[in-house]
C-alpha atoms as a PDB file:
ATOM      1  CA  THR A   1      -5.263 -11.193   0.470  1.00  0.00           C
ATOM      2  CA  SER A   2      -7.823 -13.021   2.893  1.00  0.00           C
ATOM      3  CA  ALA A   3      -9.195 -11.953   6.476  1.00  0.00           C
ATOM      4  CA  SER A   4     -10.827 -13.432   9.154  1.00  0.00           C
ATOM      5  CA  VAL A   5     -13.307 -11.305  11.471  1.00  0.00           C
ATOM      6  CA  ALA A   6     -14.355 -12.894  15.021  1.00  0.00           C
ATOM      7  CA  HIS A   7     -16.679 -11.555  17.566  1.00  0.00           C
ATOM      8  CA  MET A   8     -15.050 -12.105  21.019  1.00  0.00           C
ATOM      9  CA  THR A   9     -16.548 -12.459  24.498  1.00  0.00           C
ATOM     10  CA  SER A  10     -14.084 -12.721  27.368  1.00  0.00           C
ATOM     11  CA  PRO A  11     -14.939 -12.822  31.050  1.00  0.00           C
ATOM     12  CA  SER A  12     -13.459 -11.074  33.626  1.00  0.00           C
ATOM     13  CA  GLY A  13      -9.853 -11.827  35.011  1.00  0.00           C
ATOM     14  CA  TRP A  14      -9.297 -13.861  31.305  1.00  0.00           C
ATOM     15  CA  VAL A  15      -5.799 -13.316  30.079  1.00  0.00           C
ATOM     16  CA  GLU A  16      -4.531 -14.788  26.733  1.00  0.00           C
ATOM     17  CA  PRO A  17      -1.230 -16.057  26.204  1.00  0.00           C
ATOM     18  CA  GLY A  18       1.611 -13.426  24.771  1.00  0.00           C
ATOM     19  CA  GLN A  19       2.030 -13.937  20.936  1.00  0.00           C
ATOM     20  CA  ARG A  20       3.759 -12.633  17.782  1.00  0.00           C
ATOM     21  CA  PRO A  21       1.208 -13.046  14.805  1.00  0.00           C
ATOM     22  CA  ASP A  22       1.886 -13.034  10.650  1.00  0.00           C
ATOM     23  CA  PHE A  23      -1.183 -10.978  10.711  1.00  0.00           C
ATOM     24  CA  ASP A  24      -2.140  -7.627  11.473  1.00  0.00           C
ATOM     25  CA  GLU A  25      -4.471  -7.247  14.287  1.00  0.00           C
ATOM     26  CA  PHE A  26      -7.436  -4.816  13.935  1.00  0.00           C
ATOM     27  CA  THR A  27      -9.457  -4.478  17.420  1.00  0.00           C
ATOM     28  CA  VAL A  28     -12.527  -2.894  18.263  1.00  0.00           C
ATOM     29  CA  VAL A  29     -14.128  -3.101  21.889  1.00  0.00           C
ATOM     30  CA  LEU A  30     -18.112  -2.995  21.851  1.00  0.00           C
ATOM     31  CA  ARG A  31     -18.369  -3.673  25.848  1.00  0.00           C
ATOM     32  CA  GLY A  32     -15.941  -3.516  28.484  1.00  0.00           C
ATOM     33  CA  ALA A  33     -12.044  -2.673  27.971  1.00  0.00           C
ATOM     34  CA  LEU A  34      -9.589  -4.548  26.967  1.00  0.00           C
ATOM     35  CA  HIS A  35      -5.964  -4.616  28.001  1.00  0.00           C
ATOM     36  CA  VAL A  36      -3.399  -4.731  25.084  1.00  0.00           C
ATOM     37  CA  LYS A  37       0.243  -5.450  26.340  1.00  0.00           C
ATOM     38  CA  GLY A  38       3.323  -4.897  24.091  1.00  0.00           C
ATOM     39  CA  LYS A  39       6.768  -6.206  24.356  1.00  0.00           C
ATOM     40  CA  ASP A  40       7.950  -3.329  26.225  1.00  0.00           C
ATOM     41  CA  GLY A  41       5.741  -4.260  29.302  1.00  0.00           C
ATOM     42  CA  HIS A  42       3.258  -0.946  28.241  1.00  0.00           C
ATOM     43  CA  THR A  43      -0.306  -1.356  28.565  1.00  0.00           C
ATOM     44  CA  LEU A  44      -3.138  -0.199  26.604  1.00  0.00           C
ATOM     45  CA  LEU A  45      -6.256   0.165  27.870  1.00  0.00           C
ATOM     46  CA  VAL A  46      -8.704  -0.164  24.755  1.00  0.00           C
ATOM     47  CA  GLU A  47     -12.314   0.856  26.093  1.00  0.00           C
ATOM     48  CA  ALA A  48     -15.521   0.834  24.469  1.00  0.00           C
ATOM     49  CA  GLY A  49     -15.722   2.682  21.283  1.00  0.00           C
ATOM     50  CA  GLN A  50     -11.939   2.507  20.721  1.00  0.00           C
ATOM     51  CA  ALA A  51      -9.912   0.460  18.723  1.00  0.00           C
ATOM     52  CA  VAL A  52      -6.121  -0.560  18.503  1.00  0.00           C
ATOM     53  CA  ILE A  53      -3.796  -2.472  15.740  1.00  0.00           C
ATOM     54  CA  ALA A  54      -1.465  -4.440  16.524  1.00  0.00           C
ATOM     55  CA  HIS A  55       0.785  -5.278  13.263  1.00  0.00           C
ATOM     56  CA  ALA A  56       2.387  -8.501  12.210  1.00  0.00           C
ATOM     57  CA  GLY A  57       5.806  -9.468  13.507  1.00  0.00           C
ATOM     58  CA  GLU A  58       4.788  -7.590  16.755  1.00  0.00           C
ATOM     59  CA  TRP A  59       4.822  -9.477  20.226  1.00  0.00           C
ATOM     60  CA  VAL A  60       1.346  -8.744  22.063  1.00  0.00           C
ATOM     61  CA  GLN A  61      -0.795  -9.739  24.637  1.00  0.00           C
ATOM     62  CA  TYR A  62      -4.683  -9.342  25.380  1.00  0.00           C
ATOM     63  CA  SER A  63      -6.006  -9.402  28.528  1.00  0.00           C
ATOM     64  CA  THR A  64      -9.521  -8.049  30.306  1.00  0.00           C
ATOM     65  CA  PRO A  65      -9.069  -7.566  34.206  1.00  0.00           C
ATOM     66  CA  GLY A  66     -12.138  -5.393  34.213  1.00  0.00           C
ATOM     67  CA  PRO A  67     -15.287  -6.657  36.718  1.00  0.00           C
ATOM     68  CA  ASP A  68     -17.457  -6.980  33.254  1.00  0.00           C
ATOM     69  CA  GLY A  69     -14.930  -8.754  30.739  1.00  0.00           C
ATOM     70  CA  ALA A  70     -15.311  -7.528  26.816  1.00  0.00           C
ATOM     71  CA  ASP A  71     -16.939  -7.889  23.664  1.00  0.00           C
ATOM     72  CA  TYR A  72     -14.820  -6.934  20.933  1.00  0.00           C
ATOM     73  CA  VAL A  73     -13.805  -7.422  16.996  1.00  0.00           C
ATOM     74  CA  ALA A  74     -10.901  -8.755  15.858  1.00  0.00           C
ATOM     75  CA  VAL A  75     -10.346  -8.724  11.961  1.00  0.00           C
ATOM     76  CA  CYS A  76      -6.982 -10.264  10.929  1.00  0.00           C
ATOM     77  CA  VAL A  77      -5.200 -10.142   7.652  1.00  0.00           C
ATOM     78  CA  PRO A  78      -4.490 -12.093   6.351  1.00  0.00           C
ATOM     79  CA  ALA A  79      -6.732 -14.036   8.364  1.00  0.00           C
ATOM     80  CA  PHE A  80      -5.969 -16.352  11.581  1.00  0.00           C
ATOM     81  CA  SER A  81      -5.271 -19.477  11.921  1.00  0.00           C
ATOM     82  CA  MET A  82      -2.889 -21.234  14.767  1.00  0.00           C
ATOM     83  CA  GLU A  83       0.016 -22.237  12.509  1.00  0.00           C
ATOM     84  CA  THR A  84       0.545 -18.504  12.136  1.00  0.00           C
ATOM     85  CA  VAL A  85      -0.373 -16.729  15.568  1.00  0.00           C
ATOM     86  CA  HIS A  86       2.859 -17.984  17.633  1.00  0.00           C
ATOM     87  CA  ARG A  87       1.392 -18.081  20.900  1.00  0.00           C
ATOM     88  CA  ASP A  88       3.863 -18.264  23.561  1.00  0.00           C
ATOM     89  CA  GLU A  89       4.612 -21.728  25.476  1.00  0.00           C
END
């Protein structure tokens, strides 16, 4: 099974389109905080030193509403691709 690892930096106010990927995504926040919203509308606050897992087939949306943005590492198994992320229109 292939995997991808990405070091991401997101600015304050960034909101990624919702997605329902075909991969598991493991996210570790290094600095700042991420909001991780699920299909039920519940939002998790994931702060520096914490991690979250979004399982394949689950709808998820990431954002960084905090004033300092965030740095985080995203590990996708199998690897991320635009064909398998299934972002909302």
